[in-house]
Amino acid sequence: MSSVIKITDSEFETEVFQESKPVLVYFWANWCGPCKLVSPSVDWVANQYSDRLKVVKLEVDPNPNSVAKCQVEGVPALRLFKGDEMVISHEGAIGRQALNDMLKEYIQ
């Protein structure tokens, strides 16, 4: 069971900006092959760090406002927020170890 929460544009501010712990936002699309490769790593991070990190996923096509707000130009894309500040921005496929290394300093 994944602890990744699916959100939409209308939930973005509440679920991301108003959260007390860091939030990893995973932008994806049904038609995106690399997204299928990244999803298991995102699920792993969500389960591994659920006490220190909130992970949400947002489908890009039906949620253009959040995509624009986070300047997502391609999927898969990852954005890490602390409050309303974006502290990490990554686009493209990423493996579990690289994702873990990228997040490490923010999920102490």
PDB file of N, CA and C in Angstrom:
ATOM      1  N   MET A   1       0.846  -1.193   0.000  1.00  0.00           N
ATOM      2  CA  MET A   1       0.000   0.000   0.000  1.00  0.00           C
ATOM      3  C   MET A   1       0.883   1.245   0.000  1.00  0.00           C
ATOM      4  N   SER A   2       0.643   2.100  -0.964  1.00  0.00           N
ATOM      5  CA  SER A   2       1.427   3.327  -1.079  1.00  0.00           C
ATOM      6  C   SER A   2       0.831   4.417  -0.198  1.00  0.00           C
ATOM      7  N   SER A   3       1.702   5.240   0.358  1.00  0.00           N
ATOM      8  CA  SER A   3       1.215   6.381   1.129  1.00  0.00           C
ATOM      9  C   SER A   3       1.296   7.669   0.312  1.00  0.00           C
ATOM     10  N   VAL A   4       1.318   7.521  -1.020  1.00  0.00           N
ATOM     11  CA  VAL A   4       1.281   8.674  -1.915  1.00  0.00           C
ATOM     12  C   VAL A   4      -0.175   9.125  -2.036  1.00  0.00           C
ATOM     13  N   ILE A   5      -0.399  10.420  -1.885  1.00  0.00           N
ATOM     14  CA  ILE A   5      -1.751  10.980  -1.913  1.00  0.00           C
ATOM     15  C   ILE A   5      -1.984  11.640  -3.274  1.00  0.00           C
ATOM     16  N   LYS A   6      -3.053  11.253  -3.956  1.00  0.00           N
ATOM     17  CA  LYS A   6      -3.404  11.893  -5.232  1.00  0.00           C
ATOM     18  C   LYS A   6      -4.114  13.207  -4.940  1.00  0.00           C
ATOM     19  N   ILE A   7      -3.653  14.275  -5.598  1.00  0.00           N
ATOM     20  CA  ILE A   7      -4.279  15.586  -5.400  1.00  0.00           C
ATOM     21  C   ILE A   7      -4.619  16.217  -6.743  1.00  0.00           C
ATOM     22  N   THR A   8      -5.383  17.313  -6.681  1.00  0.00           N
ATOM     23  CA  THR A   8      -5.755  18.085  -7.867  1.00  0.00           C
ATOM     24  C   THR A   8      -5.381  19.547  -7.633  1.00  0.00           C
ATOM     25  N   ASP A   9      -5.591  20.360  -8.664  1.00  0.00           N
ATOM     26  CA  ASP A   9      -5.316  21.801  -8.542  1.00  0.00           C
ATOM     27  C   ASP A   9      -5.981  22.407  -7.309  1.00  0.00           C
ATOM     28  N   SER A  10      -7.245  22.043  -7.080  1.00  0.00           N
ATOM     29  CA  SER A  10      -7.999  22.663  -5.983  1.00  0.00           C
ATOM     30  C   SER A  10      -7.450  22.300  -4.605  1.00  0.00           C
ATOM     31  N   GLU A  11      -6.704  21.212  -4.507  1.00  0.00           N
ATOM     32  CA  GLU A  11      -6.143  20.771  -3.220  1.00  0.00           C
ATOM     33  C   GLU A  11      -4.680  21.164  -3.035  1.00  0.00           C
ATOM     34  N   PHE A  12      -4.052  21.680  -4.085  1.00  0.00           N
ATOM     35  CA  PHE A  12      -2.609  21.897  -4.072  1.00  0.00           C
ATOM     36  C   PHE A  12      -2.152  22.774  -2.907  1.00  0.00           C
ATOM     37  N   GLU A  13      -2.755  23.927  -2.756  1.00  0.00           N
ATOM     38  CA  GLU A  13      -2.308  24.857  -1.715  1.00  0.00           C
ATOM     39  C   GLU A  13      -2.429  24.247  -0.321  1.00  0.00           C
ATOM     40  N   THR A  14      -3.550  23.619  -0.035  1.00  0.00           N
ATOM     41  CA  THR A  14      -3.769  23.009   1.281  1.00  0.00           C
ATOM     42  C   THR A  14      -2.824  21.840   1.523  1.00  0.00           C
ATOM     43  N   GLU A  15      -2.708  20.954   0.541  1.00  0.00           N
ATOM     44  CA  GLU A  15      -1.920  19.728   0.700  1.00  0.00           C
ATOM     45  C   GLU A  15      -0.414  19.963   0.647  1.00  0.00           C
ATOM     46  N   VAL A  16       0.014  21.033  -0.015  1.00  0.00           N
ATOM     47  CA  VAL A  16       1.449  21.272  -0.197  1.00  0.00           C
ATOM     48  C   VAL A  16       1.930  22.462   0.631  1.00  0.00           C
ATOM     49  N   PHE A  17       1.393  23.654   0.368  1.00  0.00           N
ATOM     50  CA  PHE A  17       1.906  24.860   1.009  1.00  0.00           C
ATOM     51  C   PHE A  17       1.584  24.942   2.492  1.00  0.00           C
ATOM     52  N   GLN A  18       0.502  24.332   2.937  1.00  0.00           N
ATOM     53  CA  GLN A  18       0.103  24.440   4.338  1.00  0.00           C
ATOM     54  C   GLN A  18       0.539  23.249   5.185  1.00  0.00           C
ATOM     55  N   GLU A  19       1.363  22.385   4.641  1.00  0.00           N
ATOM     56  CA  GLU A  19       1.848  21.204   5.366  1.00  0.00           C
ATOM     57  C   GLU A  19       3.068  21.594   6.205  1.00  0.00           C
ATOM     58  N   SER A  20       3.164  21.045   7.408  1.00  0.00           N
ATOM     59  CA  SER A  20       4.286  21.388   8.287  1.00  0.00           C
ATOM     60  C   SER A  20       5.580  20.660   7.912  1.00  0.00           C
ATOM     61  N   LYS A  21       5.490  19.463   7.366  1.00  0.00           N
ATOM     62  CA  LYS A  21       6.711  18.762   6.956  1.00  0.00           C
ATOM     63  C   LYS A  21       6.940  18.947   5.455  1.00  0.00           C
ATOM     64  N   PRO A  22       8.153  18.665   4.970  1.00  0.00           N
ATOM     65  CA  PRO A  22       8.419  18.815   3.543  1.00  0.00           C
ATOM     66  C   PRO A  22       7.443  17.977   2.712  1.00  0.00           C
ATOM     67  N   VAL A  23       7.124  18.466   1.513  1.00  0.00           N
ATOM     68  CA  VAL A  23       6.201  17.764   0.617  1.00  0.00           C
ATOM     69  C   VAL A  23       6.875  17.553  -0.735  1.00  0.00           C
ATOM     70  N   LEU A  24       6.930  16.296  -1.155  1.00  0.00           N
ATOM     71  CA  LEU A  24       7.423  15.955  -2.483  1.00  0.00           C
ATOM     72  C   LEU A  24       6.212  15.834  -3.398  1.00  0.00           C
ATOM     73  N   VAL A  25       6.198  16.640  -4.454  1.00  0.00           N
ATOM     74  CA  VAL A  25       5.112  16.597  -5.436  1.00  0.00           C
ATOM     75  C   VAL A  25       5.633  15.880  -6.674  1.00  0.00           C
ATOM     76  N   TYR A  26       4.935  14.833  -7.053  1.00  0.00           N
ATOM     77  CA  TYR A  26       5.287  14.019  -8.217  1.00  0.00           C
ATOM     78  C   TYR A  26       4.287  14.315  -9.326  1.00  0.00           C
ATOM     79  N   PHE A  27       4.759  14.935 -10.403  1.00  0.00           N
ATOM     80  CA  PHE A  27       3.925  15.253 -11.556  1.00  0.00           C
ATOM     81  C   PHE A  27       4.074  14.126 -12.574  1.00  0.00           C
ATOM     82  N   TRP A  28       2.946  13.605 -13.048  1.00  0.00           N
ATOM     83  CA  TRP A  28       2.975  12.439 -13.929  1.00  0.00           C
ATOM     84  C   TRP A  28       1.846  12.528 -14.960  1.00  0.00           C
ATOM     85  N   ALA A  29       1.876  11.580 -15.911  1.00  0.00           N
ATOM     86  CA  ALA A  29       0.816  11.473 -16.917  1.00  0.00           C
ATOM     87  C   ALA A  29       0.645  10.002 -17.293  1.00  0.00           C
ATOM     88  N   ASN A  30      -0.585   9.630 -17.631  1.00  0.00           N
ATOM     89  CA  ASN A  30      -0.878   8.247 -18.047  1.00  0.00           C
ATOM     90  C   ASN A  30      -0.063   7.815 -19.250  1.00  0.00           C
ATOM     91  N   TRP A  31       0.168   8.731 -20.179  1.00  0.00           N
ATOM     92  CA  TRP A  31       0.825   8.416 -21.439  1.00  0.00           C
ATOM     93  C   TRP A  31       2.357   8.436 -21.332  1.00  0.00           C
ATOM     94  N   CYS A  32       2.884   8.716 -20.147  1.00  0.00           N
ATOM     95  CA  CYS A  32       4.325   8.909 -19.938  1.00  0.00           C
ATOM     96  C   CYS A  32       5.009   7.593 -19.545  1.00  0.00           C
ATOM     97  N   GLY A  33       5.818   7.062 -20.456  1.00  0.00           N
ATOM     98  CA  GLY A  33       6.557   5.830 -20.171  1.00  0.00           C
ATOM     99  C   GLY A  33       7.527   5.969 -19.002  1.00  0.00           C
ATOM    100  N   PRO A  34       8.381   7.010 -18.979  1.00  0.00           N
ATOM    101  CA  PRO A  34       9.308   7.170 -17.857  1.00  0.00           C
ATOM    102  C   PRO A  34       8.598   7.318 -16.498  1.00  0.00           C
ATOM    103  N   CYS A  35       7.363   7.840 -16.508  1.00  0.00           N
ATOM    104  CA  CYS A  35       6.612   7.959 -15.250  1.00  0.00           C
ATOM    105  C   CYS A  35       6.370   6.577 -14.633  1.00  0.00           C
ATOM    106  N   LYS A  36       6.143   5.595 -15.488  1.00  0.00           N
ATOM    107  CA  LYS A  36       5.914   4.222 -15.000  1.00  0.00           C
ATOM    108  C   LYS A  36       7.175   3.663 -14.336  1.00  0.00           C
ATOM    109  N   LEU A  37       8.340   4.144 -14.775  1.00  0.00           N
ATOM    110  CA  LEU A  37       9.603   3.706 -14.177  1.00  0.00           C
ATOM    111  C   LEU A  37       9.876   4.414 -12.850  1.00  0.00           C
ATOM    112  N   VAL A  38       9.458   5.666 -12.749  1.00  0.00           N
ATOM    113  CA  VAL A  38       9.732   6.480 -11.557  1.00  0.00           C
ATOM    114  C   VAL A  38       8.740   6.181 -10.429  1.00  0.00           C
ATOM    115  N   SER A  39       7.516   5.830 -10.768  1.00  0.00           N
ATOM    116  CA  SER A  39       6.470   5.614  -9.753  1.00  0.00           C
ATOM    117  C   SER A  39       6.874   4.688  -8.608  1.00  0.00           C
ATOM    118  N   PRO A  40       7.505   3.529  -8.881  1.00  0.00           N
ATOM    119  CA  PRO A  40       7.895   2.670  -7.757  1.00  0.00           C
ATOM    120  C   PRO A  40       8.887   3.338  -6.799  1.00  0.00           C
ATOM    121  N   SER A  41       9.779   4.166  -7.320  1.00  0.00           N
ATOM    122  CA  SER A  41      10.736   4.881  -6.455  1.00  0.00           C
ATOM    123  C   SER A  41      10.024   5.923  -5.605  1.00  0.00           C
ATOM    124  N   VAL A  42       9.046   6.606  -6.193  1.00  0.00           N
ATOM    125  CA  VAL A  42       8.268   7.601  -5.449  1.00  0.00           C
ATOM    126  C   VAL A  42       7.472   6.902  -4.346  1.00  0.00           C
ATOM    127  N   ASP A  43       6.874   5.758  -4.677  1.00  0.00           N
ATOM    128  CA  ASP A  43       6.139   4.975  -3.664  1.00  0.00           C
ATOM    129  C   ASP A  43       7.070   4.540  -2.540  1.00  0.00           C
ATOM    130  N   TRP A  44       8.279   4.105  -2.894  1.00  0.00           N
ATOM    131  CA  TRP A  44       9.239   3.651  -1.895  1.00  0.00           C
ATOM    132  C   TRP A  44       9.608   4.788  -0.944  1.00  0.00           C
ATOM    133  N   VAL A  45       9.902   5.969  -1.507  1.00  0.00           N
ATOM    134  CA  VAL A  45      10.247   7.141  -0.686  1.00  0.00           C
ATOM    135  C   VAL A  45       9.080   7.489   0.244  1.00  0.00           C
ATOM    136  N   ALA A  46       7.857   7.457  -0.289  1.00  0.00           N
ATOM    137  CA  ALA A  46       6.674   7.793   0.515  1.00  0.00           C
ATOM    138  C   ALA A  46       6.529   6.834   1.697  1.00  0.00           C
ATOM    139  N   ASN A  47       6.770   5.567   1.461  1.00  0.00           N
ATOM    140  CA  ASN A  47       6.655   4.577   2.533  1.00  0.00           C
ATOM    141  C   ASN A  47       7.829   4.629   3.497  1.00  0.00           C
ATOM    142  N   GLN A  48       9.016   4.832   2.966  1.00  0.00           N
ATOM    143  CA  GLN A  48      10.237   4.852   3.784  1.00  0.00           C
ATOM    144  C   GLN A  48      10.271   6.056   4.732  1.00  0.00           C
ATOM    145  N   TYR A  49       9.800   7.205   4.265  1.00  0.00           N
ATOM    146  CA  TYR A  49       9.942   8.447   5.024  1.00  0.00           C
ATOM    147  C   TYR A  49       8.608   9.063   5.420  1.00  0.00           C
ATOM    148  N   SER A  50       7.579   8.271   5.541  1.00  0.00           N
ATOM    149  CA  SER A  50       6.232   8.798   5.823  1.00  0.00           C
ATOM    150  C   SER A  50       6.171   9.616   7.115  1.00  0.00           C
ATOM    151  N   ASP A  51       7.087   9.376   8.038  1.00  0.00           N
ATOM    152  CA  ASP A  51       7.100  10.136   9.291  1.00  0.00           C
ATOM    153  C   ASP A  51       7.716  11.533   9.121  1.00  0.00           C
ATOM    154  N   ARG A  52       8.516  11.721   8.045  1.00  0.00           N
ATOM    155  CA  ARG A  52       9.242  12.979   7.865  1.00  0.00           C
ATOM    156  C   ARG A  52       8.923  13.699   6.563  1.00  0.00           C
ATOM    157  N   LEU A  53       8.189  13.046   5.677  1.00  0.00           N
ATOM    158  CA  LEU A  53       7.961  13.577   4.340  1.00  0.00           C
ATOM    159  C   LEU A  53       6.570  13.196   3.868  1.00  0.00           C
ATOM    160  N   LYS A  54       5.870  14.158   3.313  1.00  0.00           N
ATOM    161  CA  LYS A  54       4.570  13.888   2.691  1.00  0.00           C
ATOM    162  C   LYS A  54       4.811  13.807   1.189  1.00  0.00           C
ATOM    163  N   VAL A  55       4.220  12.818   0.529  1.00  0.00           N
ATOM    164  CA  VAL A  55       4.384  12.658  -0.911  1.00  0.00           C
ATOM    165  C   VAL A  55       3.009  12.704  -1.564  1.00  0.00           C
ATOM    166  N   VAL A  56       2.878  13.594  -2.549  1.00  0.00           N
ATOM    167  CA  VAL A  56       1.626  13.707  -3.297  1.00  0.00           C
ATOM    168  C   VAL A  56       1.925  13.545  -4.779  1.00  0.00           C
ATOM    169  N   LYS A  57       0.924  13.079  -5.510  1.00  0.00           N
ATOM    170  CA  LYS A  57       1.080  12.974  -6.960  1.00  0.00           C
ATOM    171  C   LYS A  57      -0.041  13.726  -7.632  1.00  0.00           C
ATOM    172  N   LEU A  58       0.310  14.352  -8.742  1.00  0.00           N
ATOM    173  CA  LEU A  58      -0.620  15.210  -9.458  1.00  0.00           C
ATOM    174  C   LEU A  58      -0.512  14.896 -10.954  1.00  0.00           C
ATOM    175  N   GLU A  59      -1.617  14.489 -11.530  1.00  0.00           N
ATOM    176  CA  GLU A  59      -1.636  14.212 -12.969  1.00  0.00           C
ATOM    177  C   GLU A  59      -1.626  15.544 -13.718  1.00  0.00           C
ATOM    178  N   VAL A  60      -0.718  15.690 -14.671  1.00  0.00           N
ATOM    179  CA  VAL A  60      -0.504  16.996 -15.290  1.00  0.00           C
ATOM    180  C   VAL A  60      -1.657  17.471 -16.178  1.00  0.00           C
ATOM    181  N   ASP A  61      -2.216  16.603 -16.986  1.00  0.00           N
ATOM    182  CA  ASP A  61      -3.199  17.050 -17.982  1.00  0.00           C
ATOM    183  C   ASP A  61      -4.445  17.699 -17.370  1.00  0.00           C
ATOM    184  N   PRO A  62      -5.072  17.124 -16.342  1.00  0.00           N
ATOM    185  CA  PRO A  62      -6.260  17.764 -15.781  1.00  0.00           C
ATOM    186  C   PRO A  62      -5.965  18.858 -14.738  1.00  0.00           C
ATOM    187  N   ASN A  63      -4.700  19.163 -14.497  1.00  0.00           N
ATOM    188  CA  ASN A  63      -4.337  20.116 -13.437  1.00  0.00           C
ATOM    189  C   ASN A  63      -3.343  21.173 -13.931  1.00  0.00           C
ATOM    190  N   PRO A  64      -3.739  21.985 -14.912  1.00  0.00           N
ATOM    191  CA  PRO A  64      -2.795  22.939 -15.514  1.00  0.00           C
ATOM    192  C   PRO A  64      -2.337  24.055 -14.583  1.00  0.00           C
ATOM    193  N   ASN A  65      -3.132  24.412 -13.595  1.00  0.00           N
ATOM    194  CA  ASN A  65      -2.745  25.516 -12.711  1.00  0.00           C
ATOM    195  C   ASN A  65      -1.518  25.165 -11.875  1.00  0.00           C
ATOM    196  N   SER A  66      -1.506  23.977 -11.293  1.00  0.00           N
ATOM    197  CA  SER A  66      -0.360  23.544 -10.485  1.00  0.00           C
ATOM    198  C   SER A  66       0.872  23.323 -11.361  1.00  0.00           C
ATOM    199  N   VAL A  67       0.652  22.797 -12.549  1.00  0.00           N
ATOM    200  CA  VAL A  67       1.755  22.586 -13.489  1.00  0.00           C
ATOM    201  C   VAL A  67       2.423  23.921 -13.810  1.00  0.00           C
ATOM    202  N   ALA A  68       1.613  24.945 -14.079  1.00  0.00           N
ATOM    203  CA  ALA A  68       2.158  26.271 -14.383  1.00  0.00           C
ATOM    204  C   ALA A  68       2.839  26.886 -13.160  1.00  0.00           C
ATOM    205  N   LYS A  69       2.201  26.761 -12.007  1.00  0.00           N
ATOM    206  CA  LYS A  69       2.734  27.330 -10.765  1.00  0.00           C
ATOM    207  C   LYS A  69       4.108  26.746 -10.440  1.00  0.00           C
ATOM    208  N   CYS A  70       4.298  25.470 -10.740  1.00  0.00           N
ATOM    209  CA  CYS A  70       5.555  24.790 -10.420  1.00  0.00           C
ATOM    210  C   CYS A  70       6.506  24.733 -11.612  1.00  0.00           C
ATOM    211  N   GLN A  71       6.133  25.397 -12.700  1.00  0.00           N
ATOM    212  CA  GLN A  71       6.965  25.484 -13.893  1.00  0.00           C
ATOM    213  C   GLN A  71       7.403  24.115 -14.407  1.00  0.00           C
ATOM    214  N   VAL A  72       6.447  23.197 -14.458  1.00  0.00           N
ATOM    215  CA  VAL A  72       6.722  21.848 -14.969  1.00  0.00           C
ATOM    216  C   VAL A  72       6.705  21.904 -16.494  1.00  0.00           C
ATOM    217  N   GLU A  73       7.801  21.502 -17.100  1.00  0.00           N
ATOM    218  CA  GLU A  73       7.903  21.516 -18.557  1.00  0.00           C
ATOM    219  C   GLU A  73       7.894  20.125 -19.152  1.00  0.00           C
ATOM    220  N   GLY A  74       8.108  19.111 -18.332  1.00  0.00           N
ATOM    221  CA  GLY A  74       8.102  17.732 -18.804  1.00  0.00           C
ATOM    222  C   GLY A  74       7.830  16.794 -17.653  1.00  0.00           C
ATOM    223  N   VAL A  75       7.403  15.596 -17.981  1.00  0.00           N
ATOM    224  CA  VAL A  75       7.141  14.589 -16.947  1.00  0.00           C
ATOM    225  C   VAL A  75       7.994  13.355 -17.216  1.00  0.00           C
ATOM    226  N   PRO A  76       8.342  12.626 -16.176  1.00  0.00           N
ATOM    227  CA  PRO A  76       8.013  12.875 -14.776  1.00  0.00           C
ATOM    228  C   PRO A  76       8.778  14.079 -14.230  1.00  0.00           C
ATOM    229  N   ALA A  77       8.145  14.739 -13.276  1.00  0.00           N
ATOM    230  CA  ALA A  77       8.780  15.880 -12.619  1.00  0.00           C
ATOM    231  C   ALA A  77       8.566  15.772 -11.122  1.00  0.00           C
ATOM    232  N   LEU A  78       9.552  16.207 -10.379  1.00  0.00           N
ATOM    233  CA  LEU A  78       9.493  16.196  -8.921  1.00  0.00           C
ATOM    234  C   LEU A  78       9.803  17.590  -8.413  1.00  0.00           C
ATOM    235  N   ARG A  79       9.034  18.029  -7.440  1.00  0.00           N
ATOM    236  CA  ARG A  79       9.279  19.300  -6.768  1.00  0.00           C
ATOM    237  C   ARG A  79       9.173  19.047  -5.276  1.00  0.00           C
ATOM    238  N   LEU A  80      10.150  19.513  -4.526  1.00  0.00           N
ATOM    239  CA  LEU A  80      10.105  19.399  -3.071  1.00  0.00           C
ATOM    240  C   LEU A  80       9.863  20.779  -2.496  1.00  0.00           C
ATOM    241  N   PHE A  81       8.843  20.857  -1.644  1.00  0.00           N
ATOM    242  CA  PHE A  81       8.477  22.115  -1.005  1.00  0.00           C
ATOM    243  C   PHE A  81       8.671  22.022   0.494  1.00  0.00           C
ATOM    244  N   LYS A  82       9.148  23.120   1.066  1.00  0.00           N
ATOM    245  CA  LYS A  82       9.131  23.325   2.518  1.00  0.00           C
ATOM    246  C   LYS A  82       8.279  24.566   2.699  1.00  0.00           C
ATOM    247  N   GLY A  83       7.058  24.388   3.174  1.00  0.00           N
ATOM    248  CA  GLY A  83       6.097  25.481   3.190  1.00  0.00           C
ATOM    249  C   GLY A  83       5.754  25.824   1.754  1.00  0.00           C
ATOM    250  N   ASP A  84       5.821  27.096   1.410  1.00  0.00           N
ATOM    251  CA  ASP A  84       5.530  27.465   0.025  1.00  0.00           C
ATOM    252  C   ASP A  84       6.798  27.705  -0.794  1.00  0.00           C
ATOM    253  N   GLU A  85       7.944  27.272  -0.251  1.00  0.00           N
ATOM    254  CA  GLU A  85       9.212  27.438  -0.954  1.00  0.00           C
ATOM    255  C   GLU A  85       9.629  26.137  -1.637  1.00  0.00           C
ATOM    256  N   MET A  86       9.887  26.220  -2.952  1.00  0.00           N
ATOM    257  CA  MET A  86      10.383  25.069  -3.690  1.00  0.00           C
ATOM    258  C   MET A  86      11.885  24.964  -3.438  1.00  0.00           C
ATOM    259  N   VAL A  87      12.333  23.827  -2.886  1.00  0.00           N
ATOM    260  CA  VAL A  87      13.750  23.668  -2.561  1.00  0.00           C
ATOM    261  C   VAL A  87      14.462  22.693  -3.496  1.00  0.00           C
ATOM    262  N   ILE A  88      13.698  21.855  -4.192  1.00  0.00           N
ATOM    263  CA  ILE A  88      14.272  20.947  -5.194  1.00  0.00           C
ATOM    264  C   ILE A  88      13.346  20.926  -6.392  1.00  0.00           C
ATOM    265  N   SER A  89      13.957  20.955  -7.567  1.00  0.00           N
ATOM    266  CA  SER A  89      13.214  20.830  -8.817  1.00  0.00           C
ATOM    267  C   SER A  89      13.961  19.831  -9.692  1.00  0.00           C
ATOM    268  N   HIS A  90      13.274  18.777 -10.120  1.00  0.00           N
ATOM    269  CA  HIS A  90      13.907  17.757 -10.962  1.00  0.00           C
ATOM    270  C   HIS A  90      12.916  17.317 -12.026  1.00  0.00           C
ATOM    271  N   GLU A  91      13.386  17.204 -13.251  1.00  0.00           N
ATOM    272  CA  GLU A  91      12.553  16.658 -14.326  1.00  0.00           C
ATOM    273  C   GLU A  91      13.291  15.521 -14.992  1.00  0.00           C
ATOM    274  N   GLY A  92      12.533  14.495 -15.380  1.00  0.00           N
ATOM    275  CA  GLY A  92      13.106  13.329 -16.031  1.00  0.00           C
ATOM    276  C   GLY A  92      13.140  12.145 -15.090  1.00  0.00           C
ATOM    277  N   ALA A  93      13.446  10.998 -15.662  1.00  0.00           N
ATOM    278  CA  ALA A  93      13.485   9.763 -14.881  1.00  0.00           C
ATOM    279  C   ALA A  93      14.604   9.842 -13.837  1.00  0.00           C
ATOM    280  N   ILE A  94      14.356   9.201 -12.713  1.00  0.00           N
ATOM    281  CA  ILE A  94      15.338   9.154 -11.629  1.00  0.00           C
ATOM    282  C   ILE A  94      15.152   7.827 -10.897  1.00  0.00           C
ATOM    283  N   GLY A  95      16.251   7.210 -10.537  1.00  0.00           N
ATOM    284  CA  GLY A  95      16.201   5.940  -9.825  1.00  0.00           C
ATOM    285  C   GLY A  95      16.023   6.141  -8.326  1.00  0.00           C
ATOM    286  N   ARG A  96      15.754   5.060  -7.643  1.00  0.00           N
ATOM    287  CA  ARG A  96      15.494   5.105  -6.198  1.00  0.00           C
ATOM    288  C   ARG A  96      16.664   5.709  -5.426  1.00  0.00           C
ATOM    289  N   GLN A  97      17.885   5.249  -5.700  1.00  0.00           N
ATOM    290  CA  GLN A  97      19.041   5.728  -4.944  1.00  0.00           C
ATOM    291  C   GLN A  97      19.299   7.208  -5.199  1.00  0.00           C
ATOM    292  N   ALA A  98      19.202   7.630  -6.456  1.00  0.00           N
ATOM    293  CA  ALA A  98      19.417   9.045  -6.786  1.00  0.00           C
ATOM    294  C   ALA A  98      18.338   9.918  -6.141  1.00  0.00           C
ATOM    295  N   LEU A  99      17.102   9.450  -6.139  1.00  0.00           N
ATOM    296  CA  LEU A  99      16.010  10.185  -5.504  1.00  0.00           C
ATOM    297  C   LEU A  99      16.252  10.285  -3.998  1.00  0.00           C
ATOM    298  N   ASN A 100      16.634   9.188  -3.403  1.00  0.00           N
ATOM    299  CA  ASN A 100      16.932   9.164  -1.969  1.00  0.00           C
ATOM    300  C   ASN A 100      18.062  10.142  -1.642  1.00  0.00           C
ATOM    301  N   ASP A 101      19.116  10.123  -2.430  1.00  0.00           N
ATOM    302  CA  ASP A 101      20.256  11.022  -2.208  1.00  0.00           C
ATOM    303  C   ASP A 101      19.844  12.487  -2.354  1.00  0.00           C
ATOM    304  N   MET A 102      18.996  12.767  -3.337  1.00  0.00           N
ATOM    305  CA  MET A 102      18.542  14.129  -3.598  1.00  0.00           C
ATOM    306  C   MET A 102      17.737  14.682  -2.419  1.00  0.00           C
ATOM    307  N   LEU A 103      16.951  13.822  -1.790  1.00  0.00           N
ATOM    308  CA  LEU A 103      16.062  14.261  -0.699  1.00  0.00           C
ATOM    309  C   LEU A 103      16.728  14.275   0.668  1.00  0.00           C
ATOM    310  N   LYS A 104      17.822  13.551   0.804  1.00  0.00           N
ATOM    311  CA  LYS A 104      18.417  13.268   2.108  1.00  0.00           C
ATOM    312  C   LYS A 104      18.563  14.480   3.031  1.00  0.00           C
ATOM    313  N   GLU A 105      19.101  15.586   2.529  1.00  0.00           N
ATOM    314  CA  GLU A 105      19.371  16.728   3.404  1.00  0.00           C
ATOM    315  C   GLU A 105      18.089  17.410   3.877  1.00  0.00           C
ATOM    316  N   TYR A 106      16.977  17.168   3.214  1.00  0.00           N
ATOM    317  CA  TYR A 106      15.728  17.842   3.573  1.00  0.00           C
ATOM    318  C   TYR A 106      14.812  17.012   4.463  1.00  0.00           C
ATOM    319  N   ILE A 107      15.152  15.746   4.664  1.00  0.00           N
ATOM    320  CA  ILE A 107      14.260  14.874   5.453  1.00  0.00           C
ATOM    321  C   ILE A 107      14.949  14.329   6.685  1.00  0.00           C
ATOM    322  N   GLN A 108      15.807  15.142   7.268  1.00  0.00           N
ATOM    323  CA  GLN A 108      16.517  14.742   8.493  1.00  0.00           C
ATOM    324  C   GLN A 108      15.566  14.560   9.642  1.00  0.00           C
TER     325      GLN A 108
END
